[in-house]
């Protein structure tokens, strides 16, 4: 699901082939390392002109001439450029030796045209889902018998504040989308468990809201533990709102944990996958 951050023009390019734009040239970083997986770093540049951006210009914004280094305190390696046409950006940097481990710090250095961007991160612990239930879906005060909402019961026996994002899709769909809520944290939960109500709503061009959690359909969830730095980044661009792409104002301060004025984040992640059929009863 590389639909979500190519902040500024890249993020917007996932909605329309042509968009109005007025952005300065700036590096955007989307970097993550998961437990037992290689690191992946996506680098893009916003375009330095006003006007219409087409898909070719978006593709040109992918940064392919960077030197990307990663260290875990024991090993340092230079990441290699990989291509995967099912993703966008379809070119990205990946480690070949270092994989994510709990308890280690991962230092990232990106050098582009003599400018150096740095960041560091650690891996958070996985979220534990104790139970999955299905609730009636209510729209404008009326029960929708062919649709449901999802209720997750989350284990909260870790007393420190934790941060998460939620992605969702129908198994027939190629890519994951933002669930609602997209991000959440445990700051206001003091009990050993807490409920999380997850919905999957598509907003049509006419403003109509369609619940995509239909009875007898197979749904896939990604419940991803993230760092506070990634959470703060998404929150700063209203990433906790289902309509944030269309409504965000980038004139406000955007929080990033990458140095030297880059947008985006470098973050440890830990994912739990859930797959289930929406029941009739």
C-alpha atoms as a PDB file:
ATOM      1  CA  UNK A   1       0.000   0.000   0.000  1.00  0.00           C
ATOM      2  CA  UNK A   2       2.165   2.745  -1.297  1.00  0.00           C
ATOM      3  CA  UNK A   3      -0.802   4.957  -1.889  1.00  0.00           C
ATOM      4  CA  UNK A   4      -0.438   6.918   1.201  1.00  0.00           C
ATOM      5  CA  UNK A   5       2.626   9.087   1.380  1.00  0.00           C
ATOM      6  CA  UNK A   6       4.338  10.707  -1.398  1.00  0.00           C
ATOM      7  CA  UNK A   7       3.447  13.780   0.561  1.00  0.00           C
ATOM      8  CA  UNK A   8       2.364  16.803  -1.426  1.00  0.00           C
ATOM      9  CA  UNK A   9       2.234  15.879  -5.118  1.00  0.00           C
ATOM     10  CA  UNK A  10       2.887  12.188  -4.687  1.00  0.00           C
ATOM     11  CA  UNK A  11       0.220  11.724  -2.068  1.00  0.00           C
ATOM     12  CA  UNK A  12      -2.267  13.602  -4.217  1.00  0.00           C
ATOM     13  CA  UNK A  13      -1.333  11.683  -7.358  1.00  0.00           C
ATOM     14  CA  UNK A  14      -3.029   8.591  -5.979  1.00  0.00           C
ATOM     15  CA  UNK A  15      -6.425  10.238  -6.431  1.00  0.00           C
ATOM     16  CA  UNK A  16      -6.366  11.876  -9.858  1.00  0.00           C
ATOM     17  CA  UNK A  17      -4.097  11.700 -12.893  1.00  0.00           C
ATOM     18  CA  UNK A  18      -3.978  15.506 -12.997  1.00  0.00           C
ATOM     19  CA  UNK A  19      -4.057  17.842  -9.998  1.00  0.00           C
ATOM     20  CA  UNK A  20      -3.499  21.506  -9.362  1.00  0.00           C
ATOM     21  CA  UNK A  21      -0.194  22.009  -7.617  1.00  0.00           C
ATOM     22  CA  UNK A  22       2.123  24.652  -6.271  1.00  0.00           C
ATOM     23  CA  UNK A  23       4.960  23.110  -4.316  1.00  0.00           C
ATOM     24  CA  UNK A  24       8.665  23.694  -3.774  1.00  0.00           C
ATOM     25  CA  UNK A  25      11.325  21.089  -4.521  1.00  0.00           C
ATOM     26  CA  UNK A  26      11.724  19.048  -1.341  1.00  0.00           C
ATOM     27  CA  UNK A  27      12.661  15.499  -0.398  1.00  0.00           C
ATOM     28  CA  UNK A  28       9.953  13.202   0.914  1.00  0.00           C
ATOM     29  CA  UNK A  29      10.981  10.077   2.829  1.00  0.00           C
ATOM     30  CA  UNK A  30       8.780   7.101   3.594  1.00  0.00           C
ATOM     31  CA  UNK A  31      10.937   4.588   5.392  1.00  0.00           C
ATOM     32  CA  UNK A  32      10.049   1.617   7.549  1.00  0.00           C
ATOM     33  CA  UNK A  33      11.688  -1.467   8.969  1.00  0.00           C
ATOM     34  CA  UNK A  34       9.555  -4.345  10.276  1.00  0.00           C
ATOM     35  CA  UNK A  35      10.452  -7.249  12.545  1.00  0.00           C
ATOM     36  CA  UNK A  36      12.304  -9.969  10.582  1.00  0.00           C
ATOM     37  CA  UNK A  37      12.031  -7.951   7.360  1.00  0.00           C
ATOM     38  CA  UNK A  38      14.412  -5.830   5.340  1.00  0.00           C
ATOM     39  CA  UNK A  39      14.140  -2.046   5.509  1.00  0.00           C
ATOM     40  CA  UNK A  40      12.396  -0.243   2.645  1.00  0.00           C
ATOM     41  CA  UNK A  41      12.973   3.434   1.895  1.00  0.00           C
ATOM     42  CA  UNK A  42      10.883   5.361  -0.656  1.00  0.00           C
ATOM     43  CA  UNK A  43      12.296   8.711  -1.775  1.00  0.00           C
ATOM     44  CA  UNK A  44      10.480  11.291  -3.894  1.00  0.00           C
ATOM     45  CA  UNK A  45      10.816  14.974  -4.707  1.00  0.00           C
ATOM     46  CA  UNK A  46       7.986  17.462  -5.063  1.00  0.00           C
ATOM     47  CA  UNK A  47       7.959  19.367  -8.338  1.00  0.00           C
ATOM     48  CA  UNK A  48       9.290  22.953  -8.492  1.00  0.00           C
ATOM     49  CA  UNK A  49       6.554  24.550 -10.581  1.00  0.00           C
ATOM     50  CA  UNK A  50       2.946  25.689 -10.526  1.00  0.00           C
ATOM     51  CA  UNK A  51       0.285  24.107 -12.693  1.00  0.00           C
ATOM     52  CA  UNK A  52      -0.880  20.651 -13.773  1.00  0.00           C
ATOM     53  CA  UNK A  53       1.044  17.526 -12.804  1.00  0.00           C
ATOM     54  CA  UNK A  54       0.590  14.465 -14.999  1.00  0.00           C
ATOM     55  CA  UNK A  55       1.553  10.877 -14.260  1.00  0.00           C
ATOM     56  CA  UNK A  56       4.853  11.170 -16.169  1.00  0.00           C
ATOM     57  CA  UNK A  57       5.967  14.095 -14.006  1.00  0.00           C
ATOM     58  CA  UNK A  58       5.005  12.147 -10.905  1.00  0.00           C
ATOM     59  CA  UNK A  59       7.168   9.220 -12.046  1.00  0.00           C
ATOM     60  CA  UNK A  60      10.066  11.621 -12.638  1.00  0.00           C
ATOM     61  CA  UNK A  61       9.811  12.768  -9.034  1.00  0.00           C
ATOM     62  CA  UNK A  62      11.137   9.420  -7.748  1.00  0.00           C
ATOM     63  CA  UNK A  63      14.642   9.917  -6.323  1.00  0.00           C
ATOM     64  CA  UNK A  64      16.998   7.258  -7.732  1.00  0.00           C
ATOM     65  CA  UNK A  65      20.455   8.788  -7.229  1.00  0.00           C
ATOM     66  CA  UNK A  66      20.691   8.763  -3.452  1.00  0.00           C
ATOM     67  CA  UNK A  67      23.233   6.980  -1.295  1.00  0.00           C
ATOM     68  CA  UNK A  68      21.197   5.347   1.467  1.00  0.00           C
ATOM     69  CA  UNK A  69      23.048   3.852   4.442  1.00  0.00           C
ATOM     70  CA  UNK A  70      21.595   1.874   7.348  1.00  0.00           C
ATOM     71  CA  UNK A  71      23.228   0.791  10.599  1.00  0.00           C
ATOM     72  CA  UNK A  72      21.962  -1.333  13.486  1.00  0.00           C
ATOM     73  CA  UNK A  73      24.959  -0.576  15.731  1.00  0.00           C
ATOM     74  CA  UNK A  74      26.744  -3.734  14.618  1.00  0.00           C
ATOM     75  CA  UNK A  75      26.453  -3.748  10.831  1.00  0.00           C
ATOM     76  CA  UNK A  76      26.361  -0.895   8.343  1.00  0.00           C
ATOM     77  CA  UNK A  77      25.246  -1.406   4.756  1.00  0.00           C
ATOM     78  CA  UNK A  78      24.448   0.647   1.663  1.00  0.00           C
ATOM     79  CA  UNK A  79      20.919  -0.067   0.491  1.00  0.00           C
ATOM     80  CA  UNK A  80      20.305  -1.081  -3.116  1.00  0.00           C
ATOM     81  CA  UNK A  81      17.701   0.273  -5.524  1.00  0.00           C
ATOM     82  CA  UNK A  82      14.885  -2.197  -6.217  1.00  0.00           C
ATOM     83  CA  UNK A  83      11.912  -2.154  -8.571  1.00  0.00           C
ATOM     84  CA  UNK A  84       8.414  -3.502  -7.952  1.00  0.00           C
ATOM     85  CA  UNK A  85       5.823  -2.443 -10.504  1.00  0.00           C
ATOM     86  CA  UNK A  86       2.876  -3.301  -8.244  1.00  0.00           C
ATOM     87  CA  UNK A  87       3.856  -0.439  -5.899  1.00  0.00           C
ATOM     88  CA  UNK A  88       4.267   3.291  -6.264  1.00  0.00           C
ATOM     89  CA  UNK A  89       6.874   4.596  -6.189  1.00  0.00           C
ATOM     90  CA  UNK A  90       7.942   1.495  -8.136  1.00  0.00           C
ATOM     91  CA  UNK A  91      11.601   2.176  -7.314  1.00  0.00           C
ATOM     92  CA  UNK A  92      12.784   2.049  -3.706  1.00  0.00           C
ATOM     93  CA  UNK A  93      15.851   1.348  -1.587  1.00  0.00           C
ATOM     94  CA  UNK A  94      16.050  -1.908   0.383  1.00  0.00           C
ATOM     95  CA  UNK A  95      18.498  -3.443   2.811  1.00  0.00           C
ATOM     96  CA  UNK A  96      19.941  -6.851   1.945  1.00  0.00           C
ATOM     97  CA  UNK A  97      21.575  -7.742   5.260  1.00  0.00           C
ATOM     98  CA  UNK A  98      19.877  -5.835   8.074  1.00  0.00           C
ATOM     99  CA  UNK A  99      16.425  -6.950   9.211  1.00  0.00           C
ATOM    100  CA  UNK A 100      14.271  -5.522  11.965  1.00  0.00           C
ATOM    101  CA  UNK A 101      14.775  -6.771  15.536  1.00  0.00           C
ATOM    102  CA  UNK A 102      13.178  -5.639  18.763  1.00  0.00           C
ATOM    103  CA  UNK A 103      15.583  -3.781  21.048  1.00  0.00           C
ATOM    104  CA  UNK A 104      17.908  -2.445  18.352  1.00  0.00           C
ATOM    105  CA  UNK A 105      18.277   1.107  17.059  1.00  0.00           C
ATOM    106  CA  UNK A 106      18.398   1.717  13.313  1.00  0.00           C
ATOM    107  CA  UNK A 107      20.301   4.766  12.069  1.00  0.00           C
ATOM    108  CA  UNK A 108      19.463   5.995   8.567  1.00  0.00           C
ATOM    109  CA  UNK A 109      21.586   8.320   6.426  1.00  0.00           C
ATOM    110  CA  UNK A 110      20.530   9.578   2.988  1.00  0.00           C
ATOM    111  CA  UNK A 111      22.989  11.546   0.853  1.00  0.00           C
ATOM    112  CA  UNK A 112      21.717  13.389  -2.224  1.00  0.00           C
ATOM    113  CA  UNK A 113      23.888  15.888  -4.111  1.00  0.00           C
ATOM    114  CA  UNK A 114      26.107  16.467  -1.057  1.00  0.00           C
ATOM    115  CA  UNK A 115      23.127  17.052   1.234  1.00  0.00           C
ATOM    116  CA  UNK A 116      22.738  14.586   4.104  1.00  0.00           C
ATOM    117  CA  UNK A 117      19.453  13.601   5.778  1.00  0.00           C
ATOM    118  CA  UNK A 118      19.557  11.492   8.939  1.00  0.00           C
ATOM    119  CA  UNK A 119      17.132   9.771  11.275  1.00  0.00           C
ATOM    120  CA  UNK A 120      16.921   6.945  13.795  1.00  0.00           C
ATOM    121  CA  UNK A 121      14.225   4.571  14.979  1.00  0.00           C
ATOM    122  CA  UNK A 122      13.449   1.418  16.959  1.00  0.00           C
ATOM    123  CA  UNK A 123      10.811  -1.295  16.557  1.00  0.00           C
ATOM    124  CA  UNK A 124       7.607  -1.169  18.638  1.00  0.00           C
ATOM    125  CA  UNK A 125       5.951  -4.304  19.982  1.00  0.00           C
ATOM    126  CA  UNK A 126       3.009  -5.859  18.156  1.00  0.00           C
ATOM    127  CA  UNK A 127      -0.590  -5.119  19.037  1.00  0.00           C
ATOM    128  CA  UNK A 128      -2.566  -8.081  20.423  1.00  0.00           C
ATOM    129  CA  UNK A 129      -6.188  -8.535  19.349  1.00  0.00           C
ATOM    130  CA  UNK A 130      -8.100 -10.604  21.899  1.00  0.00           C
ATOM    131  CA  UNK A 131     -11.463 -10.760  20.154  1.00  0.00           C
ATOM    132  CA  UNK A 132     -13.216  -9.719  16.934  1.00  0.00           C
ATOM    133  CA  UNK A 133     -16.935  -8.912  16.986  1.00  0.00           C
ATOM    134  CA  UNK A 134     -19.311  -7.429  14.428  1.00  0.00           C
ATOM    135  CA  UNK A 135     -21.779  -4.638  15.132  1.00  0.00           C
ATOM    136  CA  UNK A 136     -24.858  -3.358  13.365  1.00  0.00           C
ATOM    137  CA  UNK A 137     -24.088  -0.641  10.854  1.00  0.00           C
ATOM    138  CA  UNK A 138     -26.240   2.464  11.339  1.00  0.00           C
ATOM    139  CA  UNK A 139     -26.564   5.106   8.621  1.00  0.00           C
ATOM    140  CA  UNK A 140     -28.620   8.255   9.260  1.00  0.00           C
ATOM    141  CA  UNK A 141     -30.282   6.484  12.183  1.00  0.00           C
ATOM    142  CA  UNK A 142     -31.303   3.474  10.072  1.00  0.00           C
ATOM    143  CA  UNK A 143     -29.906  -0.050  10.453  1.00  0.00           C
ATOM    144  CA  UNK A 144     -28.124  -1.364   7.350  1.00  0.00           C
ATOM    145  CA  UNK A 145     -28.846  -5.133   7.476  1.00  0.00           C
ATOM    146  CA  UNK A 146     -26.309  -6.067   4.777  1.00  0.00           C
ATOM    147  CA  UNK A 147     -23.413  -4.204   6.384  1.00  0.00           C
ATOM    148  CA  UNK A 148     -21.446  -4.362   9.638  1.00  0.00           C
ATOM    149  CA  UNK A 149     -18.872  -2.450  11.666  1.00  0.00           C
ATOM    150  CA  UNK A 150     -15.916  -4.246  13.259  1.00  0.00           C
ATOM    151  CA  UNK A 151     -15.240  -4.230  17.001  1.00  0.00           C
ATOM    152  CA  UNK A 152     -11.762  -5.286  18.100  1.00  0.00           C
ATOM    153  CA  UNK A 153     -10.900  -5.956  21.737  1.00  0.00           C
ATOM    154  CA  UNK A 154      -7.280  -4.885  22.236  1.00  0.00           C
ATOM    155  CA  UNK A 155      -4.904  -6.112  24.945  1.00  0.00           C
ATOM    156  CA  UNK A 156      -3.541  -3.102  26.847  1.00  0.00           C
ATOM    157  CA  UNK A 157      -1.358  -4.740  29.476  1.00  0.00           C
ATOM    158  CA  UNK A 158       1.633  -2.656  28.347  1.00  0.00           C
ATOM    159  CA  UNK A 159       1.326   0.542  30.384  1.00  0.00           C
ATOM    160  CA  UNK A 160       3.437   2.806  28.196  1.00  0.00           C
ATOM    161  CA  UNK A 161       1.670   4.772  25.456  1.00  0.00           C
ATOM    162  CA  UNK A 162       1.664   2.926  22.127  1.00  0.00           C
ATOM    163  CA  UNK A 163       0.865   4.075  18.615  1.00  0.00           C
ATOM    164  CA  UNK A 164      -0.821   2.305  15.712  1.00  0.00           C
ATOM    165  CA  UNK A 165      -2.201   2.660  12.175  1.00  0.00           C
ATOM    166  CA  UNK A 166      -4.915   0.531  10.575  1.00  0.00           C
ATOM    167  CA  UNK A 167      -5.149  -0.496   6.922  1.00  0.00           C
ATOM    168  CA  UNK A 168      -8.035  -2.434   5.393  1.00  0.00           C
ATOM    169  CA  UNK A 169      -9.235  -3.974   2.135  1.00  0.00           C
ATOM    170  CA  UNK A 170     -11.631  -6.451   0.618  1.00  0.00           C
ATOM    171  CA  UNK A 171      -9.721  -9.547  -0.524  1.00  0.00           C
ATOM    172  CA  UNK A 172     -10.820  -8.738  -4.103  1.00  0.00           C
ATOM    173  CA  UNK A 173      -9.062  -5.361  -3.949  1.00  0.00           C
ATOM    174  CA  UNK A 174      -5.436  -5.013  -5.000  1.00  0.00           C
ATOM    175  CA  UNK A 175      -4.354  -2.450  -2.404  1.00  0.00           C
ATOM    176  CA  UNK A 176      -4.996  -1.640   1.229  1.00  0.00           C
ATOM    177  CA  UNK A 177      -6.780   1.599   2.118  1.00  0.00           C
ATOM    178  CA  UNK A 178      -7.069   3.720   5.251  1.00  0.00           C
ATOM    179  CA  UNK A 179      -9.457   2.322   7.816  1.00  0.00           C
ATOM    180  CA  UNK A 180     -11.319   4.653  10.124  1.00  0.00           C
ATOM    181  CA  UNK A 181      -9.659   5.322  12.462  1.00  0.00           C
ATOM    182  CA  UNK A 182      -6.452   5.326  10.433  1.00  0.00           C
ATOM    183  CA  UNK A 183      -4.241   6.102  13.443  1.00  0.00           C
ATOM    184  CA  UNK A 184      -4.824   5.796  17.187  1.00  0.00           C
ATOM    185  CA  UNK A 185      -2.868   5.587  20.433  1.00  0.00           C
ATOM    186  CA  UNK A 186      -3.399   4.223  23.928  1.00  0.00           C
ATOM    187  CA  UNK A 187      -2.853   7.491  25.777  1.00  0.00           C
ATOM    188  CA  UNK A 188      -6.399   7.672  27.165  1.00  0.00           C
ATOM    189  CA  UNK A 189      -6.817   3.971  28.008  1.00  0.00           C
ATOM    190  CA  UNK A 190      -5.963   2.866  31.556  1.00  0.00           C
ATOM    191  CA  UNK A 191      -7.783  -0.505  31.503  1.00  0.00           C
ATOM    192  CA  UNK A 192      -6.194  -3.855  30.622  1.00  0.00           C
ATOM    193  CA  UNK A 193      -8.294  -4.034  27.454  1.00  0.00           C
ATOM    194  CA  UNK A 194     -10.145  -1.529  25.306  1.00  0.00           C
ATOM    195  CA  UNK A 195     -12.507  -1.658  22.310  1.00  0.00           C
ATOM    196  CA  UNK A 196     -11.618  -0.318  18.877  1.00  0.00           C
ATOM    197  CA  UNK A 197     -14.457   0.215  16.391  1.00  0.00           C
ATOM    198  CA  UNK A 198     -13.172  -0.038  12.800  1.00  0.00           C
ATOM    199  CA  UNK A 199     -15.144   1.043   9.748  1.00  0.00           C
ATOM    200  CA  UNK A 200     -14.368   0.957   6.038  1.00  0.00           C
ATOM    201  CA  UNK A 201     -16.172   3.757   4.248  1.00  0.00           C
ATOM    202  CA  UNK A 202     -15.625   4.997   0.708  1.00  0.00           C
ATOM    203  CA  UNK A 203     -16.661   8.559  -0.053  1.00  0.00           C
ATOM    204  CA  UNK A 204     -18.003   8.824  -3.586  1.00  0.00           C
ATOM    205  CA  UNK A 205     -17.487  11.842  -5.844  1.00  0.00           C
ATOM    206  CA  UNK A 206     -21.024  13.003  -5.073  1.00  0.00           C
ATOM    207  CA  UNK A 207     -20.228  12.927  -1.329  1.00  0.00           C
ATOM    208  CA  UNK A 208     -22.235   9.754  -0.681  1.00  0.00           C
ATOM    209  CA  UNK A 209     -20.667   7.437   1.894  1.00  0.00           C
ATOM    210  CA  UNK A 210     -20.576   3.713   1.100  1.00  0.00           C
ATOM    211  CA  UNK A 211     -19.929   1.141   3.820  1.00  0.00           C
ATOM    212  CA  UNK A 212     -17.662  -1.487   2.248  1.00  0.00           C
ATOM    213  CA  UNK A 213     -18.007  -3.984   5.123  1.00  0.00           C
ATOM    214  CA  UNK A 214     -20.645  -6.132   3.450  1.00  0.00           C
ATOM    215  CA  UNK A 215     -22.057  -9.383   4.802  1.00  0.00           C
ATOM    216  CA  UNK A 216     -20.338 -12.521   3.419  1.00  0.00           C
ATOM    217  CA  UNK A 217     -17.399 -10.536   2.021  1.00  0.00           C
ATOM    218  CA  UNK A 218     -13.817 -11.411   3.032  1.00  0.00           C
ATOM    219  CA  UNK A 219     -11.960  -8.541   4.708  1.00  0.00           C
ATOM    220  CA  UNK A 220      -8.251  -8.175   5.439  1.00  0.00           C
ATOM    221  CA  UNK A 221      -6.852  -5.941   8.177  1.00  0.00           C
ATOM    222  CA  UNK A 222      -3.339  -4.755   8.906  1.00  0.00           C
ATOM    223  CA  UNK A 223      -2.922  -3.524  12.485  1.00  0.00           C
ATOM    224  CA  UNK A 224       0.482  -1.890  12.502  1.00  0.00           C
ATOM    225  CA  UNK A 225       2.381  -0.771  15.585  1.00  0.00           C
ATOM    226  CA  UNK A 226       4.335   2.382  14.703  1.00  0.00           C
ATOM    227  CA  UNK A 227       6.609   4.833  16.469  1.00  0.00           C
ATOM    228  CA  UNK A 228       5.439   8.070  18.057  1.00  0.00           C
ATOM    229  CA  UNK A 229       7.376   9.934  15.367  1.00  0.00           C
ATOM    230  CA  UNK A 230       5.374   8.325  12.558  1.00  0.00           C
ATOM    231  CA  UNK A 231       2.145   8.880  14.482  1.00  0.00           C
ATOM    232  CA  UNK A 232       2.958  12.567  14.940  1.00  0.00           C
ATOM    233  CA  UNK A 233       3.738  12.886  11.233  1.00  0.00           C
ATOM    234  CA  UNK A 234       0.366  11.448  10.196  1.00  0.00           C
ATOM    235  CA  UNK A 235      -1.467  13.487  12.805  1.00  0.00           C
ATOM    236  CA  UNK A 236       0.198  16.679  11.566  1.00  0.00           C
ATOM    237  CA  UNK A 237      -1.259  16.129   8.086  1.00  0.00           C
ATOM    238  CA  UNK A 238      -4.627  15.089   9.528  1.00  0.00           C
ATOM    239  CA  UNK A 239      -3.878  11.445   8.842  1.00  0.00           C
ATOM    240  CA  UNK A 240      -6.423  10.362  11.448  1.00  0.00           C
ATOM    241  CA  UNK A 241      -9.258  11.594   9.208  1.00  0.00           C
ATOM    242  CA  UNK A 242     -10.665   9.462   6.420  1.00  0.00           C
ATOM    243  CA  UNK A 243     -10.830  12.444   4.061  1.00  0.00           C
ATOM    244  CA  UNK A 244      -7.458  13.967   4.897  1.00  0.00           C
ATOM    245  CA  UNK A 245      -6.012  13.707   1.383  1.00  0.00           C
ATOM    246  CA  UNK A 246      -8.594  16.002  -0.111  1.00  0.00           C
ATOM    247  CA  UNK A 247      -8.860  18.386   2.820  1.00  0.00           C
ATOM    248  CA  UNK A 248      -5.330  18.789   4.147  1.00  0.00           C
ATOM    249  CA  UNK A 249      -3.593  22.116   4.132  1.00  0.00           C
ATOM    250  CA  UNK A 250       0.156  21.780   3.751  1.00  0.00           C
ATOM    251  CA  UNK A 251       0.682  25.348   4.894  1.00  0.00           C
ATOM    252  CA  UNK A 252       0.648  24.111   8.482  1.00  0.00           C
ATOM    253  CA  UNK A 253       3.764  22.695  10.119  1.00  0.00           C
ATOM    254  CA  UNK A 254       4.314  19.056   9.194  1.00  0.00           C
ATOM    255  CA  UNK A 255       6.204  17.020  11.768  1.00  0.00           C
ATOM    256  CA  UNK A 256       9.085  14.879  10.494  1.00  0.00           C
ATOM    257  CA  UNK A 257      11.836  12.921  12.246  1.00  0.00           C
ATOM    258  CA  UNK A 258      14.152  13.171   9.212  1.00  0.00           C
ATOM    259  CA  UNK A 259      16.735  15.947   9.491  1.00  0.00           C
ATOM    260  CA  UNK A 260      17.653  18.778   7.138  1.00  0.00           C
ATOM    261  CA  UNK A 261      14.120  19.784   6.182  1.00  0.00           C
ATOM    262  CA  UNK A 262      12.883  16.525   4.644  1.00  0.00           C
ATOM    263  CA  UNK A 263       9.206  15.551   4.799  1.00  0.00           C
ATOM    264  CA  UNK A 264       8.040  12.136   5.942  1.00  0.00           C
ATOM    265  CA  UNK A 265       9.341   9.638   8.460  1.00  0.00           C
ATOM    266  CA  UNK A 266      11.728   6.803   9.235  1.00  0.00           C
ATOM    267  CA  UNK A 267       9.941   4.364  11.542  1.00  0.00           C
ATOM    268  CA  UNK A 268      10.019   0.912  13.017  1.00  0.00           C
ATOM    269  CA  UNK A 269       6.806  -1.040  12.446  1.00  0.00           C
ATOM    270  CA  UNK A 270       5.317  -4.322  13.635  1.00  0.00           C
ATOM    271  CA  UNK A 271       2.262  -5.688  11.849  1.00  0.00           C
ATOM    272  CA  UNK A 272      -0.543  -8.078  12.769  1.00  0.00           C
ATOM    273  CA  UNK A 273      -2.675  -9.447   9.910  1.00  0.00           C
ATOM    274  CA  UNK A 274      -6.314 -10.443  10.330  1.00  0.00           C
ATOM    275  CA  UNK A 275      -8.553 -12.011   7.659  1.00  0.00           C
ATOM    276  CA  UNK A 276     -12.207 -12.904   8.177  1.00  0.00           C
ATOM    277  CA  UNK A 277     -15.657 -13.179   6.586  1.00  0.00           C
ATOM    278  CA  UNK A 278     -18.258 -10.595   7.614  1.00  0.00           C
ATOM    279  CA  UNK A 279     -21.009 -12.747   9.171  1.00  0.00           C
ATOM    280  CA  UNK A 280     -24.747 -12.482   8.579  1.00  0.00           C
ATOM    281  CA  UNK A 281     -25.583 -12.657  12.279  1.00  0.00           C
END
